[in-house]
Amino acid sequence: MLTAIHPKLPMRNKNNTRNFYIQKLGFQEFGSADFDGYLMLEKEEIQIHFFEFTTLDPTENYGQVYIRTNAIDELFQTFVKNGTDIHPNGHLKLKPWGQKEFSILDPDHNLLTFGQTI
């Protein structure tokens, strides 16, 4: 019955969020309407939605998404080439639970962790 999940994360500034995800991570805007205070982005089969939260304190944001991939090394290299900062505690490495992972923070400190089963 369940077919997909599309997380909704907070954003302080729609243009900053849009630019980060499109320019650094290769996402595209999804949908045909520019909704006030709402943003939908996609890359391949992944969609992430954002809602406006202008008073968000990024240091108190615990938004997190785990995104699976089948090409973790290539994805990591693409992000590095695009100038994406890798989380200081999230460099690419094999984890004890059998996933090779890395993590980044978006402009609002939503944590994006990318992983591949090894």
Protein backbone atom coordinates (compact mmCIF):
# COMPACT_ATOMS: atom_id res chain seq x y z
CA MET A 1 0.00 0.00 0.00
CA LEU A 2 2.72 2.53 0.83
CA THR A 3 4.55 3.74 -2.25
CA ALA A 4 6.82 6.66 -1.33
CA ILE A 5 7.87 9.09 1.35
CA HIS A 6 8.60 12.77 0.88
CA PRO A 7 10.09 14.39 3.97
CA LYS A 8 9.18 17.98 4.85
CA LEU A 9 12.01 20.04 6.29
CA PRO A 10 12.09 23.60 7.62
CA MET A 11 13.70 26.43 5.66
CA ARG A 12 14.35 30.03 6.64
CA ASN A 13 14.79 31.43 3.14
CA LYS A 14 13.26 29.81 0.06
CA ASN A 15 15.81 31.25 -2.40
CA ASN A 16 18.78 30.12 -0.29
CA THR A 17 17.34 26.62 0.05
CA ARG A 18 16.47 26.39 -3.65
CA ASN A 19 19.92 27.57 -4.71
CA PHE A 20 21.77 25.20 -2.36
CA TYR A 21 19.86 22.10 -3.44
CA ILE A 22 19.95 22.95 -7.16
CA GLN A 23 23.51 24.28 -7.45
CA LYS A 24 25.31 22.11 -4.89
CA LEU A 25 23.30 18.87 -4.91
CA GLY A 26 21.83 18.74 -8.41
CA PHE A 27 18.14 18.79 -7.47
CA GLN A 28 15.44 20.37 -9.64
CA GLU A 29 12.31 22.22 -8.67
CA PHE A 30 9.26 19.96 -8.73
CA GLY A 31 5.76 21.00 -9.63
CA SER A 32 4.43 23.74 -11.85
CA ALA A 33 3.47 26.32 -9.22
CA ASP A 34 5.56 28.56 -7.02
CA PHE A 35 3.78 28.15 -3.70
CA ASP A 36 4.22 30.87 -1.10
CA GLY A 37 6.29 29.55 1.79
CA TYR A 38 6.64 26.06 0.31
CA LEU A 39 9.24 24.43 -1.93
CA MET A 40 9.36 21.00 -3.58
CA LEU A 41 12.61 19.65 -5.00
CA GLU A 42 13.53 16.35 -6.61
CA LYS A 43 16.54 14.43 -7.84
CA GLU A 44 15.94 11.17 -9.66
CA GLU A 45 13.36 9.33 -7.50
CA ILE A 46 13.90 11.45 -4.37
CA GLN A 47 11.63 14.35 -3.40
CA ILE A 48 12.19 16.68 -0.47
CA HIS A 49 9.62 19.29 0.49
CA PHE A 50 10.34 22.41 2.53
CA PHE A 51 8.09 24.66 4.58
CA GLU A 52 8.92 28.22 5.53
CA PHE A 53 10.05 28.72 9.12
CA THR A 54 11.62 32.19 9.13
CA THR A 55 12.33 32.24 12.88
CA LEU A 56 14.12 28.87 12.86
CA ASP A 57 17.33 28.85 14.88
CA PRO A 58 19.59 26.54 12.82
CA THR A 59 21.51 25.51 15.93
CA GLU A 60 18.27 24.08 17.32
CA ASN A 61 17.12 22.34 14.13
CA TYR A 62 17.06 18.56 14.31
CA GLY A 63 15.65 17.91 10.81
CA GLN A 64 17.25 14.79 9.34
CA VAL A 65 16.83 12.67 6.23
CA TYR A 66 18.58 9.41 5.30
CA ILE A 67 18.87 8.95 1.54
CA ARG A 68 19.96 5.64 0.06
CA THR A 69 22.05 5.52 -3.10
CA ASN A 70 23.63 2.85 -5.28
CA ALA A 71 26.67 5.01 -6.17
CA ILE A 72 27.95 6.51 -2.91
CA ASP A 73 31.52 7.18 -4.08
CA GLU A 74 30.38 8.95 -7.25
CA LEU A 75 27.79 11.00 -5.35
CA PHE A 76 30.35 12.01 -2.73
CA GLN A 77 32.85 13.11 -5.40
CA THR A 78 30.15 15.10 -7.24
CA PHE A 79 29.21 16.98 -4.08
CA VAL A 80 32.85 17.71 -3.23
CA LYS A 81 33.46 18.94 -6.79
CA ASN A 82 30.42 21.25 -6.45
CA GLY A 83 31.92 22.77 -3.29
CA THR A 84 29.49 21.16 -0.88
CA ASP A 85 30.79 21.12 2.68
CA ILE A 86 30.86 17.66 4.20
CA HIS A 87 29.74 17.53 7.84
CA PRO A 88 32.83 17.48 10.12
CA ASN A 89 31.60 14.25 11.71
CA GLY A 90 30.17 12.82 8.50
CA HIS A 91 33.03 12.06 6.16
CA LEU A 92 32.66 9.13 3.77
CA LYS A 93 33.34 5.88 5.57
CA LEU A 94 32.13 2.35 6.07
CA LYS A 95 29.96 2.03 9.18
CA PRO A 96 29.75 -1.06 11.44
CA TRP A 97 26.14 -1.63 10.30
CA GLY A 98 27.28 -2.32 6.71
CA GLN A 99 26.52 1.09 5.18
CA LYS A 100 29.03 3.37 3.52
CA GLU A 101 27.87 6.87 4.44
CA PHE A 102 28.56 10.59 4.47
CA SER A 103 26.59 13.57 5.73
CA ILE A 104 26.08 17.24 4.92
CA LEU A 105 24.17 20.12 6.46
CA ASP A 106 21.96 22.35 4.35
CA PRO A 107 21.75 26.13 5.00
CA ASP A 108 19.22 25.54 7.80
CA HIS A 109 21.20 22.70 9.40
CA ASN A 110 18.93 19.94 8.17
CA LEU A 111 21.19 16.88 8.24
CA LEU A 112 21.26 14.87 5.02
CA THR A 113 22.95 11.48 5.33
CA PHE A 114 23.62 9.48 2.18
CA GLY A 115 24.24 5.75 2.42
CA GLN A 116 24.85 2.65 0.37
CA THR A 117 24.75 -0.97 1.54
CA ILE A 118 28.16 -2.53 1.08
